[in-house]
Amino acid sequence: MRNPRRDGLSIVCEWTVTPLVNPDGSLIAVIAQGRDITPSSKAERMKKEFTSTLSHELRTRSPRSSARCSSSTLGVLGDVPKDVSELTDVASATASGCST
């Protein structure tokens, strides 16, 4: 849900609503807590774009050039685990050149 901040910027929030009830079960109040998920929304969009690009490359290029192209773009998303890094190094070493 998009919400305006005090400074006028619009952010994407995830809301949690918790009812407060007394011992006899009557509703006393409701606590609503919003959390800014703008950064995680951007990261999710980047992952989807990466996956879409990779899927397209795998369908339209030779397997070797696809492996090299995809391995060269993994670092864009941040640090990768050591085992993934080792696999991409092997893919880069054995694949032919990548032309974009």
PDB file of N, CA and C in Angstrom:
ATOM      1  N   MET A   1       0.842  -1.164   0.000  1.00  0.00           N
ATOM      2  CA  MET A   1       0.000   0.000   0.000  1.00  0.00           C
ATOM      3  C   MET A   1       0.899   1.242   0.000  1.00  0.00           C
ATOM      4  N   ARG A   2       0.652   2.166  -0.924  1.00  0.00           N
ATOM      5  CA  ARG A   2       1.427   3.413  -0.982  1.00  0.00           C
ATOM      6  C   ARG A   2       0.923   4.379   0.076  1.00  0.00           C
ATOM      7  N   ASN A   3       1.870   4.978   0.798  1.00  0.00           N
ATOM      8  CA  ASN A   3       1.534   5.937   1.843  1.00  0.00           C
ATOM      9  C   ASN A   3       2.453   7.149   1.752  1.00  0.00           C
ATOM     10  N   PRO A   4       1.904   8.353   2.005  1.00  0.00           N
ATOM     11  CA  PRO A   4       2.767   9.541   2.008  1.00  0.00           C
ATOM     12  C   PRO A   4       3.510   9.665   3.338  1.00  0.00           C
ATOM     13  N   ARG A   5       4.786  10.074   3.237  1.00  0.00           N
ATOM     14  CA  ARG A   5       5.548  10.373   4.453  1.00  0.00           C
ATOM     15  C   ARG A   5       5.325  11.827   4.822  1.00  0.00           C
ATOM     16  N   ARG A   6       5.793  12.219   5.990  1.00  0.00           N
ATOM     17  CA  ARG A   6       5.652  13.603   6.435  1.00  0.00           C
ATOM     18  C   ARG A   6       6.349  14.583   5.501  1.00  0.00           C
ATOM     19  N   ASP A   7       7.450  14.131   4.863  1.00  0.00           N
ATOM     20  CA  ASP A   7       8.184  15.017   3.957  1.00  0.00           C
ATOM     21  C   ASP A   7       7.580  15.041   2.553  1.00  0.00           C
ATOM     22  N   GLY A   8       6.465  14.349   2.352  1.00  0.00           N
ATOM     23  CA  GLY A   8       5.772  14.385   1.075  1.00  0.00           C
ATOM     24  C   GLY A   8       6.088  13.248   0.129  1.00  0.00           C
ATOM     25  N   LEU A   9       7.153  12.491   0.387  1.00  0.00           N
ATOM     26  CA  LEU A   9       7.484  11.350  -0.469  1.00  0.00           C
ATOM     27  C   LEU A   9       6.486  10.218  -0.247  1.00  0.00           C
ATOM     28  N   SER A  10       6.261   9.444  -1.305  1.00  0.00           N
ATOM     29  CA  SER A  10       5.366   8.304  -1.216  1.00  0.00           C
ATOM     30  C   SER A  10       6.199   7.042  -1.062  1.00  0.00           C
ATOM     31  N   ILE A  11       5.858   6.222  -0.077  1.00  0.00           N
ATOM     32  CA  ILE A  11       6.578   4.969   0.164  1.00  0.00           C
ATOM     33  C   ILE A  11       5.588   3.804   0.141  1.00  0.00           C
ATOM     34  N   VAL A  12       6.127   2.616  -0.070  1.00  0.00           N
ATOM     35  CA  VAL A  12       5.305   1.410  -0.052  1.00  0.00           C
ATOM     36  C   VAL A  12       5.400   0.813   1.354  1.00  0.00           C
ATOM     37  N   CYS A  13       4.244   0.597   1.983  1.00  0.00           N
ATOM     38  CA  CYS A  13       4.216   0.065   3.349  1.00  0.00           C
ATOM     39  C   CYS A  13       3.472  -1.266   3.408  1.00  0.00           C
ATOM     40  N   GLU A  14       3.924  -2.085   4.337  1.00  0.00           N
ATOM     41  CA  GLU A  14       3.224  -3.311   4.687  1.00  0.00           C
ATOM     42  C   GLU A  14       2.622  -3.048   6.063  1.00  0.00           C
ATOM     43  N   TRP A  15       1.343  -3.313   6.221  1.00  0.00           N
ATOM     44  CA  TRP A  15       0.656  -2.987   7.464  1.00  0.00           C
ATOM     45  C   TRP A  15       0.296  -4.233   8.246  1.00  0.00           C
ATOM     46  N   THR A  16       0.464  -4.133   9.568  1.00  0.00           N
ATOM     47  CA  THR A  16       0.034  -5.176  10.486  1.00  0.00           C
ATOM     48  C   THR A  16      -0.992  -4.542  11.433  1.00  0.00           C
ATOM     49  N   VAL A  17      -2.157  -5.142  11.531  1.00  0.00           N
ATOM     50  CA  VAL A  17      -3.227  -4.620  12.386  1.00  0.00           C
ATOM     51  C   VAL A  17      -3.505  -5.648  13.478  1.00  0.00           C
ATOM     52  N   THR A  18      -3.415  -5.184  14.741  1.00  0.00           N
ATOM     53  CA  THR A  18      -3.602  -6.076  15.886  1.00  0.00           C
ATOM     54  C   THR A  18      -4.719  -5.542  16.772  1.00  0.00           C
ATOM     55  N   PRO A  19      -5.779  -6.316  16.971  1.00  0.00           N
ATOM     56  CA  PRO A  19      -6.847  -5.863  17.872  1.00  0.00           C
ATOM     57  C   PRO A  19      -6.442  -6.086  19.337  1.00  0.00           C
ATOM     58  N   LEU A  20      -6.812  -5.146  20.181  1.00  0.00           N
ATOM     59  CA  LEU A  20      -6.619  -5.298  21.636  1.00  0.00           C
ATOM     60  C   LEU A  20      -7.990  -5.544  22.253  1.00  0.00           C
ATOM     61  N   VAL A  21      -8.093  -6.648  22.981  1.00  0.00           N
ATOM     62  CA  VAL A  21      -9.370  -6.994  23.603  1.00  0.00           C
ATOM     63  C   VAL A  21      -9.178  -7.142  25.105  1.00  0.00           C
ATOM     64  N   ASN A  22     -10.226  -6.866  25.852  1.00  0.00           N
ATOM     65  CA  ASN A  22     -10.154  -7.063  27.306  1.00  0.00           C
ATOM     66  C   ASN A  22     -10.514  -8.512  27.625  1.00  0.00           C
ATOM     67  N   PRO A  23     -10.388  -8.921  28.889  1.00  0.00           N
ATOM     68  CA  PRO A  23     -10.626 -10.332  29.242  1.00  0.00           C
ATOM     69  C   PRO A  23     -11.999 -10.879  28.834  1.00  0.00           C
ATOM     70  N   ASP A  24     -13.025 -10.025  28.773  1.00  0.00           N
ATOM     71  CA  ASP A  24     -14.345 -10.542  28.364  1.00  0.00           C
ATOM     72  C   ASP A  24     -14.526 -10.583  26.841  1.00  0.00           C
ATOM     73  N   GLY A  25     -13.455 -10.230  26.100  1.00  0.00           N
ATOM     74  CA  GLY A  25     -13.490 -10.350  24.648  1.00  0.00           C
ATOM     75  C   GLY A  25     -13.934  -9.104  23.905  1.00  0.00           C
ATOM     76  N   SER A  26     -14.193  -8.012  24.637  1.00  0.00           N
ATOM     77  CA  SER A  26     -14.616  -6.776  23.970  1.00  0.00           C
ATOM     78  C   SER A  26     -13.406  -6.049  23.394  1.00  0.00           C
ATOM     79  N   LEU A  27     -13.604  -5.477  22.233  1.00  0.00           N
ATOM     80  CA  LEU A  27     -12.544  -4.732  21.565  1.00  0.00           C
ATOM     81  C   LEU A  27     -12.286  -3.417  22.297  1.00  0.00           C
ATOM     82  N   ILE A  28     -11.023  -3.190  22.673  1.00  0.00           N
ATOM     83  CA  ILE A  28     -10.629  -1.957  23.349  1.00  0.00           C
ATOM     84  C   ILE A  28     -10.051  -0.964  22.341  1.00  0.00           C
ATOM     85  N   ALA A  29      -9.149  -1.450  21.512  1.00  0.00           N
ATOM     86  CA  ALA A  29      -8.475  -0.597  20.534  1.00  0.00           C
ATOM     87  C   ALA A  29      -7.865  -1.475  19.454  1.00  0.00           C
ATOM     88  N   VAL A  30      -7.318  -0.819  18.459  1.00  0.00           N
ATOM     89  CA  VAL A  30      -6.631  -1.507  17.374  1.00  0.00           C
ATOM     90  C   VAL A  30      -5.277  -0.828  17.184  1.00  0.00           C
ATOM     91  N   ILE A  31      -4.231  -1.641  17.112  1.00  0.00           N
ATOM     92  CA  ILE A  31      -2.890  -1.118  16.847  1.00  0.00           C
ATOM     93  C   ILE A  31      -2.567  -1.397  15.388  1.00  0.00           C
ATOM     94  N   ALA A  32      -2.232  -0.350  14.647  1.00  0.00           N
ATOM     95  CA  ALA A  32      -1.827  -0.499  13.244  1.00  0.00           C
ATOM     96  C   ALA A  32      -0.368  -0.080  13.144  1.00  0.00           C
ATOM     97  N   GLN A  33       0.444  -0.964  12.581  1.00  0.00           N
ATOM     98  CA  GLN A  33       1.875  -0.698  12.461  1.00  0.00           C
ATOM     99  C   GLN A  33       2.278  -0.857  11.004  1.00  0.00           C
ATOM    100  N   GLY A  34       2.876   0.216  10.455  1.00  0.00           N
ATOM    101  CA  GLY A  34       3.328   0.188   9.072  1.00  0.00           C
ATOM    102  C   GLY A  34       4.832   0.022   9.004  1.00  0.00           C
ATOM    103  N   ARG A  35       5.287  -0.708   7.994  1.00  0.00           N
ATOM    104  CA  ARG A  35       6.722  -0.915   7.784  1.00  0.00           C
ATOM    105  C   ARG A  35       7.047  -0.577   6.340  1.00  0.00           C
ATOM    106  N   ASP A  36       8.046   0.288   6.150  1.00  0.00           N
ATOM    107  CA  ASP A  36       8.469   0.697   4.812  1.00  0.00           C
ATOM    108  C   ASP A  36       9.136  -0.480   4.115  1.00  0.00           C
ATOM    109  N   ILE A  37       8.528  -0.955   3.033  1.00  0.00           N
ATOM    110  CA  ILE A  37       9.109  -2.070   2.279  1.00  0.00           C
ATOM    111  C   ILE A  37       9.600  -1.604   0.910  1.00  0.00           C
ATOM    112  N   THR A  38       9.799  -0.297   0.746  1.00  0.00           N
ATOM    113  CA  THR A  38      10.276   0.240  -0.526  1.00  0.00           C
ATOM    114  C   THR A  38      11.588  -0.413  -0.955  1.00  0.00           C
ATOM    115  N   PRO A  39      12.611  -0.504  -0.071  1.00  0.00           N
ATOM    116  CA  PRO A  39      13.870  -1.137  -0.499  1.00  0.00           C
ATOM    117  C   PRO A  39      13.695  -2.596  -0.930  1.00  0.00           C
ATOM    118  N   SER A  40      12.911  -3.360  -0.181  1.00  0.00           N
ATOM    119  CA  SER A  40      12.729  -4.769  -0.550  1.00  0.00           C
ATOM    120  C   SER A  40      11.891  -4.894  -1.821  1.00  0.00           C
ATOM    121  N   SER A  41      10.995  -3.934  -2.069  1.00  0.00           N
ATOM    122  CA  SER A  41      10.218  -3.938  -3.316  1.00  0.00           C
ATOM    123  C   SER A  41      11.141  -3.708  -4.506  1.00  0.00           C
ATOM    124  N   LYS A  42      12.102  -2.785  -4.348  1.00  0.00           N
ATOM    125  CA  LYS A  42      13.066  -2.517  -5.414  1.00  0.00           C
ATOM    126  C   LYS A  42      13.932  -3.747  -5.670  1.00  0.00           C
ATOM    127  N   ALA A  43      14.377  -4.389  -4.601  1.00  0.00           N
ATOM    128  CA  ALA A  43      15.204  -5.593  -4.748  1.00  0.00           C
ATOM    129  C   ALA A  43      14.420  -6.707  -5.434  1.00  0.00           C
ATOM    130  N   GLU A  44      13.164  -6.862  -5.080  1.00  0.00           N
ATOM    131  CA  GLU A  44      12.322  -7.883  -5.702  1.00  0.00           C
ATOM    132  C   GLU A  44      12.145  -7.605  -7.190  1.00  0.00           C
ATOM    133  N   ARG A  45      11.946  -6.335  -7.546  1.00  0.00           N
ATOM    134  CA  ARG A  45      11.813  -5.974  -8.956  1.00  0.00           C
ATOM    135  C   ARG A  45      13.109  -6.279  -9.717  1.00  0.00           C
ATOM    136  N   MET A  46      14.267  -5.976  -9.104  1.00  0.00           N
ATOM    137  CA  MET A  46      15.549  -6.263  -9.742  1.00  0.00           C
ATOM    138  C   MET A  46      15.728  -7.765  -9.962  1.00  0.00           C
ATOM    139  N   LYS A  47      15.328  -8.574  -8.974  1.00  0.00           N
ATOM    140  CA  LYS A  47      15.428 -10.025  -9.120  1.00  0.00           C
ATOM    141  C   LYS A  47      14.547 -10.521 -10.260  1.00  0.00           C
ATOM    142  N   LYS A  48      13.333  -9.980 -10.363  1.00  0.00           N
ATOM    143  CA  LYS A  48      12.430 -10.392 -11.439  1.00  0.00           C
ATOM    144  C   LYS A  48      12.997 -10.005 -12.800  1.00  0.00           C
ATOM    145  N   GLU A  49      13.554  -8.791 -12.900  1.00  0.00           N
ATOM    146  CA  GLU A  49      14.151  -8.353 -14.162  1.00  0.00           C
ATOM    147  C   GLU A  49      15.341  -9.236 -14.528  1.00  0.00           C
ATOM    148  N   PHE A  50      16.170  -9.570 -13.539  1.00  0.00           N
ATOM    149  CA  PHE A  50      17.324 -10.432 -13.776  1.00  0.00           C
ATOM    150  C   PHE A  50      16.872 -11.805 -14.266  1.00  0.00           C
ATOM    151  N   THR A  51      15.884 -12.377 -13.593  1.00  0.00           N
ATOM    152  CA  THR A  51      15.376 -13.686 -13.965  1.00  0.00           C
ATOM    153  C   THR A  51      14.787 -13.663 -15.371  1.00  0.00           C
ATOM    154  N   SER A  52      14.061 -12.598 -15.691  1.00  0.00           N
ATOM    155  CA  SER A  52      13.477 -12.467 -17.021  1.00  0.00           C
ATOM    156  C   SER A  52      14.565 -12.382 -18.085  1.00  0.00           C
ATOM    157  N   THR A  53      15.595 -11.574 -17.826  1.00  0.00           N
ATOM    158  CA  THR A  53      16.700 -11.434 -18.776  1.00  0.00           C
ATOM    159  C   THR A  53      17.440 -12.749 -18.943  1.00  0.00           C
ATOM    160  N   LEU A  54      17.715 -13.409 -17.830  1.00  0.00           N
ATOM    161  CA  LEU A  54      18.422 -14.685 -17.885  1.00  0.00           C
ATOM    162  C   LEU A  54      17.611 -15.722 -18.667  1.00  0.00           C
ATOM    163  N   SER A  55      16.315 -15.772 -18.413  1.00  0.00           N
ATOM    164  CA  SER A  55      15.450 -16.714 -19.126  1.00  0.00           C
ATOM    165  C   SER A  55      15.485 -16.440 -20.622  1.00  0.00           C
ATOM    166  N   HIS A  56      15.415 -15.176 -20.991  1.00  0.00           N
ATOM    167  CA  HIS A  56      15.474 -14.810 -22.408  1.00  0.00           C
ATOM    168  C   HIS A  56      16.804 -15.234 -23.025  1.00  0.00           C
ATOM    169  N   GLU A  57      17.899 -14.962 -22.304  1.00  0.00           N
ATOM    170  CA  GLU A  57      19.224 -15.324 -22.808  1.00  0.00           C
ATOM    171  C   GLU A  57      19.351 -16.837 -23.000  1.00  0.00           C
ATOM    172  N   LEU A  58      18.843 -17.595 -22.062  1.00  0.00           N
ATOM    173  CA  LEU A  58      18.944 -19.052 -22.160  1.00  0.00           C
ATOM    174  C   LEU A  58      18.133 -19.595 -23.331  1.00  0.00           C
ATOM    175  N   ARG A  59      17.021 -18.924 -23.656  1.00  0.00           N
ATOM    176  CA  ARG A  59      16.197 -19.374 -24.779  1.00  0.00           C
ATOM    177  C   ARG A  59      16.785 -18.970 -26.128  1.00  0.00           C
ATOM    178  N   THR A  60      17.474 -17.835 -26.183  1.00  0.00           N
ATOM    179  CA  THR A  60      17.863 -17.289 -27.482  1.00  0.00           C
ATOM    180  C   THR A  60      19.338 -17.422 -27.820  1.00  0.00           C
ATOM    181  N   ARG A  61      20.197 -17.718 -26.880  1.00  0.00           N
ATOM    182  CA  ARG A  61      21.633 -17.820 -27.142  1.00  0.00           C
ATOM    183  C   ARG A  61      22.102 -19.263 -26.998  1.00  0.00           C
ATOM    184  N   SER A  62      23.337 -19.467 -27.419  1.00  0.00           N
ATOM    185  CA  SER A  62      23.927 -20.779 -27.201  1.00  0.00           C
ATOM    186  C   SER A  62      24.157 -20.961 -25.702  1.00  0.00           C
ATOM    187  N   PRO A  63      24.154 -22.180 -25.224  1.00  0.00           N
ATOM    188  CA  PRO A  63      24.345 -22.412 -23.788  1.00  0.00           C
ATOM    189  C   PRO A  63      25.633 -21.820 -23.235  1.00  0.00           C
ATOM    190  N   ARG A  64      26.714 -21.872 -23.995  1.00  0.00           N
ATOM    191  CA  ARG A  64      27.991 -21.351 -23.491  1.00  0.00           C
ATOM    192  C   ARG A  64      27.967 -19.846 -23.331  1.00  0.00           C
ATOM    193  N   SER A  65      27.462 -19.128 -24.330  1.00  0.00           N
ATOM    194  CA  SER A  65      27.442 -17.670 -24.202  1.00  0.00           C
ATOM    195  C   SER A  65      26.432 -17.241 -23.151  1.00  0.00           C
ATOM    196  N   SER A  66      25.337 -17.988 -23.001  1.00  0.00           N
ATOM    197  CA  SER A  66      24.366 -17.686 -21.950  1.00  0.00           C
ATOM    198  C   SER A  66      24.988 -17.843 -20.576  1.00  0.00           C
ATOM    199  N   ALA A  67      25.755 -18.901 -20.383  1.00  0.00           N
ATOM    200  CA  ALA A  67      26.409 -19.129 -19.089  1.00  0.00           C
ATOM    201  C   ALA A  67      27.370 -17.996 -18.777  1.00  0.00           C
ATOM    202  N   ARG A  68      28.122 -17.574 -19.767  1.00  0.00           N
ATOM    203  CA  ARG A  68      29.095 -16.504 -19.536  1.00  0.00           C
ATOM    204  C   ARG A  68      28.400 -15.180 -19.243  1.00  0.00           C
ATOM    205  N   CYS A  69      27.368 -14.852 -20.006  1.00  0.00           N
ATOM    206  CA  CYS A  69      26.642 -13.598 -19.804  1.00  0.00           C
ATOM    207  C   CYS A  69      25.976 -13.557 -18.435  1.00  0.00           C
ATOM    208  N   SER A  70      25.312 -14.653 -18.062  1.00  0.00           N
ATOM    209  CA  SER A  70      24.618 -14.662 -16.782  1.00  0.00           C
ATOM    210  C   SER A  70      25.600 -14.633 -15.623  1.00  0.00           C
ATOM    211  N   SER A  71      26.733 -15.311 -15.751  1.00  0.00           N
ATOM    212  CA  SER A  71      27.698 -15.313 -14.653  1.00  0.00           C
ATOM    213  C   SER A  71      28.334 -13.946 -14.484  1.00  0.00           C
ATOM    214  N   SER A  72      28.449 -13.193 -15.571  1.00  0.00           N
ATOM    215  CA  SER A  72      29.053 -11.866 -15.449  1.00  0.00           C
ATOM    216  C   SER A  72      28.103 -10.855 -14.829  1.00  0.00           C
ATOM    217  N   THR A  73      26.802 -11.137 -14.807  1.00  0.00           N
ATOM    218  CA  THR A  73      25.835 -10.190 -14.235  1.00  0.00           C
ATOM    219  C   THR A  73      25.463 -10.505 -12.791  1.00  0.00           C
ATOM    220  N   LEU A  74      25.874 -11.652 -12.263  1.00  0.00           N
ATOM    221  CA  LEU A  74      25.487 -12.014 -10.895  1.00  0.00           C
ATOM    222  C   LEU A  74      25.974 -11.006  -9.858  1.00  0.00           C
ATOM    223  N   GLY A  75      27.150 -10.449 -10.029  1.00  0.00           N
ATOM    224  CA  GLY A  75      27.686  -9.505  -9.057  1.00  0.00           C
ATOM    225  C   GLY A  75      26.880  -8.231  -8.930  1.00  0.00           C
ATOM    226  N   VAL A  76      26.054  -7.926  -9.928  1.00  0.00           N
ATOM    227  CA  VAL A  76      25.228  -6.722  -9.886  1.00  0.00           C
ATOM    228  C   VAL A  76      24.266  -6.773  -8.712  1.00  0.00           C
ATOM    229  N   LEU A  77      23.824  -7.956  -8.335  1.00  0.00           N
ATOM    230  CA  LEU A  77      22.864  -8.115  -7.252  1.00  0.00           C
ATOM    231  C   LEU A  77      23.505  -8.098  -5.871  1.00  0.00           C
ATOM    232  N   GLY A  78      24.819  -7.951  -5.801  1.00  0.00           N
ATOM    233  CA  GLY A  78      25.517  -7.924  -4.515  1.00  0.00           C
ATOM    234  C   GLY A  78      26.426  -9.120  -4.361  1.00  0.00           C
ATOM    235  N   ASP A  79      26.866  -9.329  -3.143  1.00  0.00           N
ATOM    236  CA  ASP A  79      27.763 -10.449  -2.869  1.00  0.00           C
ATOM    237  C   ASP A  79      27.050 -11.770  -3.119  1.00  0.00           C
ATOM    238  N   VAL A  80      27.788 -12.702  -3.692  1.00  0.00           N
ATOM    239  CA  VAL A  80      27.231 -14.038  -3.927  1.00  0.00           C
ATOM    240  C   VAL A  80      27.967 -15.032  -3.040  1.00  0.00           C
ATOM    241  N   PRO A  81      27.286 -16.112  -2.623  1.00  0.00           N
ATOM    242  CA  PRO A  81      27.943 -17.120  -1.793  1.00  0.00           C
ATOM    243  C   PRO A  81      29.145 -17.718  -2.512  1.00  0.00           C
ATOM    244  N   LYS A  82      30.105 -18.221  -1.731  1.00  0.00           N
ATOM    245  CA  LYS A  82      31.346 -18.750  -2.287  1.00  0.00           C
ATOM    246  C   LYS A  82      31.098 -19.876  -3.289  1.00  0.00           C
ATOM    247  N   ASP A  83      30.169 -20.791  -2.976  1.00  0.00           N
ATOM    248  CA  ASP A  83      29.918 -21.906  -3.888  1.00  0.00           C
ATOM    249  C   ASP A  83      29.342 -21.427  -5.220  1.00  0.00           C
ATOM    250  N   VAL A  84      28.498 -20.409  -5.185  1.00  0.00           N
ATOM    251  CA  VAL A  84      27.948 -19.846  -6.422  1.00  0.00           C
ATOM    252  C   VAL A  84      29.051 -19.151  -7.198  1.00  0.00           C
ATOM    253  N   SER A  85      29.906 -18.424  -6.487  1.00  0.00           N
ATOM    254  CA  SER A  85      31.018 -17.731  -7.131  1.00  0.00           C
ATOM    255  C   SER A  85      31.949 -18.712  -7.836  1.00  0.00           C
ATOM    256  N   GLU A  86      32.226 -19.841  -7.187  1.00  0.00           N
ATOM    257  CA  GLU A  86      33.093 -20.849  -7.798  1.00  0.00           C
ATOM    258  C   GLU A  86      32.463 -21.420  -9.066  1.00  0.00           C
ATOM    259  N   LEU A  87      31.153 -21.667  -9.024  1.00  0.00           N
ATOM    260  CA  LEU A  87      30.472 -22.198 -10.208  1.00  0.00           C
ATOM    261  C   LEU A  87      30.486 -21.192 -11.351  1.00  0.00           C
ATOM    262  N   THR A  88      30.284 -19.914 -11.039  1.00  0.00           N
ATOM    263  CA  THR A  88      30.276 -18.907 -12.099  1.00  0.00           C
ATOM    264  C   THR A  88      31.675 -18.709 -12.662  1.00  0.00           C
ATOM    265  N   ASP A  89      32.709 -18.866 -11.828  1.00  0.00           N
ATOM    266  CA  ASP A  89      34.077 -18.784 -12.337  1.00  0.00           C
ATOM    267  C   ASP A  89      34.345 -19.903 -13.342  1.00  0.00           C
ATOM    268  N   VAL A  90      33.863 -21.115 -13.024  1.00  0.00           N
ATOM    269  CA  VAL A  90      34.042 -22.242 -13.932  1.00  0.00           C
ATOM    270  C   VAL A  90      33.274 -21.982 -15.222  1.00  0.00           C
ATOM    271  N   ALA A  91      32.048 -21.478 -15.115  1.00  0.00           N
ATOM    272  CA  ALA A  91      31.228 -21.193 -16.303  1.00  0.00           C
ATOM    273  C   ALA A  91      31.903 -20.126 -17.161  1.00  0.00           C
ATOM    274  N   SER A  92      32.445 -19.109 -16.540  1.00  0.00           N
ATOM    275  CA  SER A  92      33.115 -18.039 -17.295  1.00  0.00           C
ATOM    276  C   SER A  92      34.359 -18.555 -18.000  1.00  0.00           C
ATOM    277  N   ALA A  93      35.098 -19.439 -17.336  1.00  0.00           N
ATOM    278  CA  ALA A  93      36.351 -19.951 -17.903  1.00  0.00           C
ATOM    279  C   ALA A  93      36.090 -20.876 -19.088  1.00  0.00           C
ATOM    280  N   THR A  94      34.965 -21.601 -19.058  1.00  0.00           N
ATOM    281  CA  THR A  94      34.711 -22.574 -20.115  1.00  0.00           C
ATOM    282  C   THR A  94      33.819 -22.048 -21.230  1.00  0.00           C
ATOM    283  N   ALA A  95      33.177 -20.906 -21.007  1.00  0.00           N
ATOM    284  CA  ALA A  95      32.225 -20.399 -22.004  1.00  0.00           C
ATOM    285  C   ALA A  95      32.913 -19.516 -23.019  1.00  0.00           C
ATOM    286  N   SER A  96      32.289 -19.388 -24.161  1.00  0.00           N
ATOM    287  CA  SER A  96      32.806 -18.493 -25.188  1.00  0.00           C
ATOM    288  C   SER A  96      32.444 -17.053 -24.842  1.00  0.00           C
ATOM    289  N   GLY A  97      32.877 -16.104 -25.642  1.00  0.00           N
ATOM    290  CA  GLY A  97      32.660 -14.679 -25.376  1.00  0.00           C
ATOM    291  C   GLY A  97      31.208 -14.292 -25.295  1.00  0.00           C
ATOM    292  N   CYS A  98      30.942 -13.218 -24.590  1.00  0.00           N
ATOM    293  CA  CYS A  98      29.589 -12.707 -24.391  1.00  0.00           C
ATOM    294  C   CYS A  98      29.437 -11.400 -25.151  1.00  0.00           C
ATOM    295  N   SER A  99      28.545 -11.377 -26.119  1.00  0.00           N
ATOM    296  CA  SER A  99      28.273 -10.120 -26.816  1.00  0.00           C
ATOM    297  C   SER A  99      26.862  -9.682 -26.485  1.00  0.00           C
ATOM    298  N   THR A 100      26.741  -8.436 -26.071  1.00  0.00           N
ATOM    299  CA  THR A 100      25.415  -7.956 -25.663  1.00  0.00           C
ATOM    300  C   THR A 100      24.776  -7.112 -26.716  1.00  0.00           C
TER     301      THR A 100
END
